Structure formats: C-alpha cells, structure tokens
Amino acid sequence: MRGLETDNNVKQTAGESSGMQVVPIAPAKGLKAQVYAALRVLIGHMDIYSSRDEIRIDERMLAEQLGVSRTPVREAISRLE
C-alpha cells in the first residue's frame, strides 16, 4: 500500500513546533504519487488544534525536505486542494 510506504517519510519528533519531520523521498517510479502520498500523510498527522496560529504549508521547505523539486510538491498540493 502506498500509505504505508510514505509513513517512512514522515516521522514524529519532540520539541519542534509542528512535531513532525519530513524525510527525503528516494527517487523511484511515480515520484508525483509518492509526494502526494507523503503530503497526505503529513497533513493527516498534523495537530491542527494545538495552536491558534494559521497553519501554512511552505512548498519550498517541503520540496527541500523531501529532496524533490517544487513542481511535484505544487502538483500534490493542488491535487489535495
């Protein structure tokens, strides 16, 4: 299952503001699908109720952390919208 594969790319961390750390994706077939699945898991694990601040996703930071260009991140965000 794709969801299980992408769980390896999102790790719970202590002490960080979001409590989540994104691990780079190894280049493989279906990069767009992997980025989409990783973002879906990341968003699913976010605690949106712990802070009153507006939650924003920084595509540059995500692209850097995932080790991919911004294009597949943009496409995944667009698809998730």
N, C-alpha and C. Protein backbone atom coordinates (compact mmCIF):
# COMPACT_ATOMS: atom_id res chain seq x y z
N MET A 1 0.82 -1.19 0.00
CA MET A 1 0.00 0.00 0.00
C MET A 1 0.86 1.24 0.00
N ARG A 2 0.48 2.25 -0.75
CA ARG A 2 1.25 3.49 -0.81
C ARG A 2 1.31 4.21 0.53
N GLY A 3 0.23 4.21 1.28
CA GLY A 3 0.20 4.90 2.56
C GLY A 3 1.27 4.38 3.52
N LEU A 4 1.47 3.07 3.51
CA LEU A 4 2.49 2.50 4.38
C LEU A 4 3.88 2.88 3.93
N GLU A 5 4.09 2.96 2.62
CA GLU A 5 5.40 3.37 2.10
C GLU A 5 5.73 4.80 2.53
N THR A 6 4.78 5.68 2.47
CA THR A 6 5.04 7.08 2.77
C THR A 6 5.13 7.35 4.26
N ASP A 7 4.61 6.46 5.11
CA ASP A 7 4.76 6.66 6.54
C ASP A 7 6.23 6.72 6.93
N ASN A 8 7.10 6.11 6.13
CA ASN A 8 8.54 6.17 6.39
C ASN A 8 9.10 7.56 6.12
N ASN A 9 8.38 8.40 5.41
CA ASN A 9 8.85 9.74 5.07
C ASN A 9 8.40 10.79 6.07
N VAL A 10 7.50 10.45 6.96
CA VAL A 10 7.01 11.39 7.96
C VAL A 10 7.25 10.77 9.33
N LYS A 11 8.04 11.46 10.15
CA LYS A 11 8.38 10.93 11.47
C LYS A 11 7.94 11.91 12.55
N GLN A 12 7.42 11.38 13.64
CA GLN A 12 7.03 12.19 14.80
C GLN A 12 8.29 12.62 15.54
N THR A 13 8.40 13.90 15.89
CA THR A 13 9.54 14.40 16.64
C THR A 13 9.07 15.19 17.83
N ALA A 14 9.91 15.27 18.83
CA ALA A 14 9.57 16.04 20.03
C ALA A 14 10.30 17.37 19.98
N GLY A 15 9.68 18.40 20.50
CA GLY A 15 10.33 19.69 20.64
C GLY A 15 10.20 20.62 19.45
N GLU A 16 9.83 20.14 18.30
CA GLU A 16 9.65 21.01 17.15
C GLU A 16 8.25 21.57 17.16
N SER A 17 8.07 22.73 16.56
CA SER A 17 6.77 23.39 16.60
C SER A 17 5.68 22.55 15.97
N SER A 18 5.96 21.89 14.88
CA SER A 18 4.94 21.06 14.23
C SER A 18 4.92 19.65 14.77
N GLY A 19 6.01 19.22 15.41
CA GLY A 19 6.08 17.86 15.93
C GLY A 19 6.28 16.82 14.85
N MET A 20 6.50 17.26 13.61
CA MET A 20 6.67 16.32 12.51
C MET A 20 7.96 16.66 11.76
N GLN A 21 8.60 15.64 11.23
CA GLN A 21 9.79 15.82 10.41
C GLN A 21 9.57 15.06 9.12
N VAL A 22 9.86 15.70 8.01
CA VAL A 22 9.71 15.07 6.70
C VAL A 22 11.08 14.57 6.26
N VAL A 23 11.14 13.31 5.83
CA VAL A 23 12.38 12.68 5.39
C VAL A 23 12.38 12.66 3.86
N PRO A 24 13.54 12.94 3.21
CA PRO A 24 13.59 12.96 1.74
C PRO A 24 13.09 11.65 1.12
N ILE A 25 12.46 11.78 -0.03
CA ILE A 25 11.96 10.63 -0.78
C ILE A 25 13.06 10.15 -1.72
N ALA A 26 13.28 8.84 -1.75
CA ALA A 26 14.23 8.26 -2.68
C ALA A 26 13.61 8.28 -4.08
N PRO A 27 14.36 8.78 -5.09
CA PRO A 27 13.80 8.81 -6.45
C PRO A 27 13.40 7.41 -6.91
N ALA A 28 12.20 7.27 -7.38
CA ALA A 28 11.69 5.99 -7.85
C ALA A 28 10.53 6.26 -8.80
N LYS A 29 9.92 5.19 -9.28
CA LYS A 29 8.78 5.38 -10.17
C LYS A 29 7.66 6.08 -9.44
N GLY A 30 6.92 6.88 -10.15
CA GLY A 30 5.77 7.56 -9.58
C GLY A 30 6.12 8.61 -8.54
N LEU A 31 7.08 9.47 -8.85
CA LEU A 31 7.50 10.49 -7.90
C LEU A 31 6.34 11.39 -7.49
N LYS A 32 5.52 11.79 -8.46
CA LYS A 32 4.37 12.64 -8.14
C LYS A 32 3.43 11.94 -7.17
N ALA A 33 3.22 10.66 -7.37
CA ALA A 33 2.34 9.89 -6.49
C ALA A 33 2.95 9.77 -5.10
N GLN A 34 4.26 9.61 -5.03
CA GLN A 34 4.93 9.50 -3.73
C GLN A 34 4.85 10.81 -2.96
N VAL A 35 5.06 11.93 -3.64
CA VAL A 35 4.98 13.24 -2.99
C VAL A 35 3.55 13.47 -2.52
N TYR A 36 2.58 13.17 -3.35
CA TYR A 36 1.17 13.31 -2.97
C TYR A 36 0.86 12.49 -1.72
N ALA A 37 1.28 11.25 -1.71
CA ALA A 37 1.01 10.37 -0.57
C ALA A 37 1.73 10.86 0.68
N ALA A 38 2.97 11.34 0.54
CA ALA A 38 3.72 11.85 1.69
C ALA A 38 3.04 13.07 2.28
N LEU A 39 2.57 13.99 1.43
CA LEU A 39 1.87 15.19 1.92
C LEU A 39 0.54 14.82 2.56
N ARG A 40 -0.12 13.86 2.00
CA ARG A 40 -1.39 13.41 2.57
C ARG A 40 -1.19 12.85 3.97
N VAL A 41 -0.14 12.05 4.15
CA VAL A 41 0.18 11.50 5.47
C VAL A 41 0.58 12.62 6.41
N LEU A 42 1.42 13.55 5.94
CA LEU A 42 1.87 14.67 6.76
C LEU A 42 0.68 15.49 7.27
N ILE A 43 -0.21 15.84 6.37
CA ILE A 43 -1.38 16.63 6.74
C ILE A 43 -2.27 15.84 7.70
N GLY A 44 -2.40 14.56 7.46
CA GLY A 44 -3.21 13.72 8.33
C GLY A 44 -2.66 13.61 9.75
N HIS A 45 -1.34 13.76 9.89
CA HIS A 45 -0.71 13.66 11.21
C HIS A 45 -0.56 15.02 11.91
N MET A 46 -0.92 16.10 11.23
CA MET A 46 -0.77 17.43 11.83
C MET A 46 -1.81 17.63 12.92
N ASP A 47 -1.39 18.27 14.01
CA ASP A 47 -2.31 18.60 15.09
C ASP A 47 -2.78 20.03 14.86
N ILE A 48 -3.91 20.17 14.22
CA ILE A 48 -4.40 21.50 13.84
C ILE A 48 -5.06 22.23 14.99
N TYR A 49 -5.27 21.56 16.11
CA TYR A 49 -5.97 22.17 17.23
C TYR A 49 -5.04 22.67 18.34
N SER A 50 -3.74 22.36 18.25
CA SER A 50 -2.83 22.74 19.33
C SER A 50 -2.40 24.21 19.30
N SER A 51 -2.61 24.88 18.20
CA SER A 51 -2.19 26.27 18.07
C SER A 51 -3.31 27.09 17.43
N ARG A 52 -3.42 28.33 17.88
CA ARG A 52 -4.42 29.22 17.28
C ARG A 52 -3.86 29.91 16.03
N ASP A 53 -2.56 29.78 15.81
CA ASP A 53 -1.94 30.38 14.63
C ASP A 53 -2.44 29.70 13.36
N GLU A 54 -2.44 30.46 12.28
CA GLU A 54 -2.84 29.92 10.99
C GLU A 54 -1.80 28.90 10.54
N ILE A 55 -2.25 27.76 10.03
CA ILE A 55 -1.34 26.71 9.56
C ILE A 55 -1.12 26.90 8.07
N ARG A 56 0.15 26.98 7.70
CA ARG A 56 0.52 27.14 6.29
C ARG A 56 1.52 26.06 5.91
N ILE A 57 1.46 25.64 4.67
CA ILE A 57 2.42 24.66 4.15
C ILE A 57 3.36 25.41 3.21
N ASP A 58 4.65 25.36 3.52
CA ASP A 58 5.67 26.05 2.72
C ASP A 58 6.20 25.08 1.67
N GLU A 59 5.84 25.32 0.41
CA GLU A 59 6.23 24.38 -0.66
C GLU A 59 7.74 24.31 -0.84
N ARG A 60 8.44 25.41 -0.65
CA ARG A 60 9.90 25.39 -0.78
C ARG A 60 10.54 24.51 0.28
N MET A 61 10.08 24.67 1.53
CA MET A 61 10.62 23.87 2.62
C MET A 61 10.31 22.38 2.40
N LEU A 62 9.08 22.08 2.01
CA LEU A 62 8.71 20.69 1.76
C LEU A 62 9.52 20.08 0.63
N ALA A 63 9.69 20.82 -0.45
CA ALA A 63 10.47 20.32 -1.58
C ALA A 63 11.90 20.02 -1.14
N GLU A 64 12.47 20.92 -0.36
CA GLU A 64 13.84 20.73 0.13
C GLU A 64 13.92 19.51 1.05
N GLN A 65 12.98 19.39 1.98
CA GLN A 65 13.00 18.29 2.92
C GLN A 65 12.73 16.94 2.25
N LEU A 66 11.89 16.93 1.23
CA LEU A 66 11.60 15.70 0.51
C LEU A 66 12.69 15.36 -0.51
N GLY A 67 13.53 16.34 -0.84
CA GLY A 67 14.59 16.10 -1.81
C GLY A 67 14.10 16.07 -3.24
N VAL A 68 13.05 16.86 -3.52
CA VAL A 68 12.47 16.92 -4.86
C VAL A 68 12.35 18.39 -5.27
N SER A 69 12.04 18.62 -6.54
CA SER A 69 11.82 20.00 -6.98
C SER A 69 10.44 20.46 -6.49
N ARG A 70 10.19 21.75 -6.66
CA ARG A 70 8.91 22.31 -6.20
C ARG A 70 7.73 21.88 -7.07
N THR A 71 7.99 21.49 -8.30
CA THR A 71 6.90 21.13 -9.21
C THR A 71 6.04 19.97 -8.69
N PRO A 72 6.62 18.82 -8.29
CA PRO A 72 5.75 17.76 -7.79
C PRO A 72 5.05 18.13 -6.47
N VAL A 73 5.69 19.01 -5.69
CA VAL A 73 5.05 19.49 -4.45
C VAL A 73 3.85 20.35 -4.79
N ARG A 74 4.01 21.25 -5.75
CA ARG A 74 2.89 22.10 -6.18
C ARG A 74 1.74 21.26 -6.72
N GLU A 75 2.08 20.27 -7.55
CA GLU A 75 1.05 19.41 -8.13
C GLU A 75 0.32 18.63 -7.04
N ALA A 76 1.07 18.15 -6.05
CA ALA A 76 0.44 17.41 -4.95
C ALA A 76 -0.47 18.30 -4.13
N ILE A 77 -0.02 19.52 -3.84
CA ILE A 77 -0.84 20.47 -3.08
C ILE A 77 -2.10 20.79 -3.86
N SER A 78 -1.96 21.02 -5.15
CA SER A 78 -3.11 21.31 -5.99
C SER A 78 -4.09 20.15 -6.00
N ARG A 79 -3.57 18.96 -6.09
CA ARG A 79 -4.41 17.75 -6.09
C ARG A 79 -5.11 17.56 -4.74
N LEU A 80 -4.42 17.90 -3.65
CA LEU A 80 -5.00 17.77 -2.32
C LEU A 80 -6.09 18.81 -2.06
N GLU A 81 -5.96 19.98 -2.71
CA GLU A 81 -6.99 21.03 -2.55
C GLU A 81 -8.30 20.54 -3.09
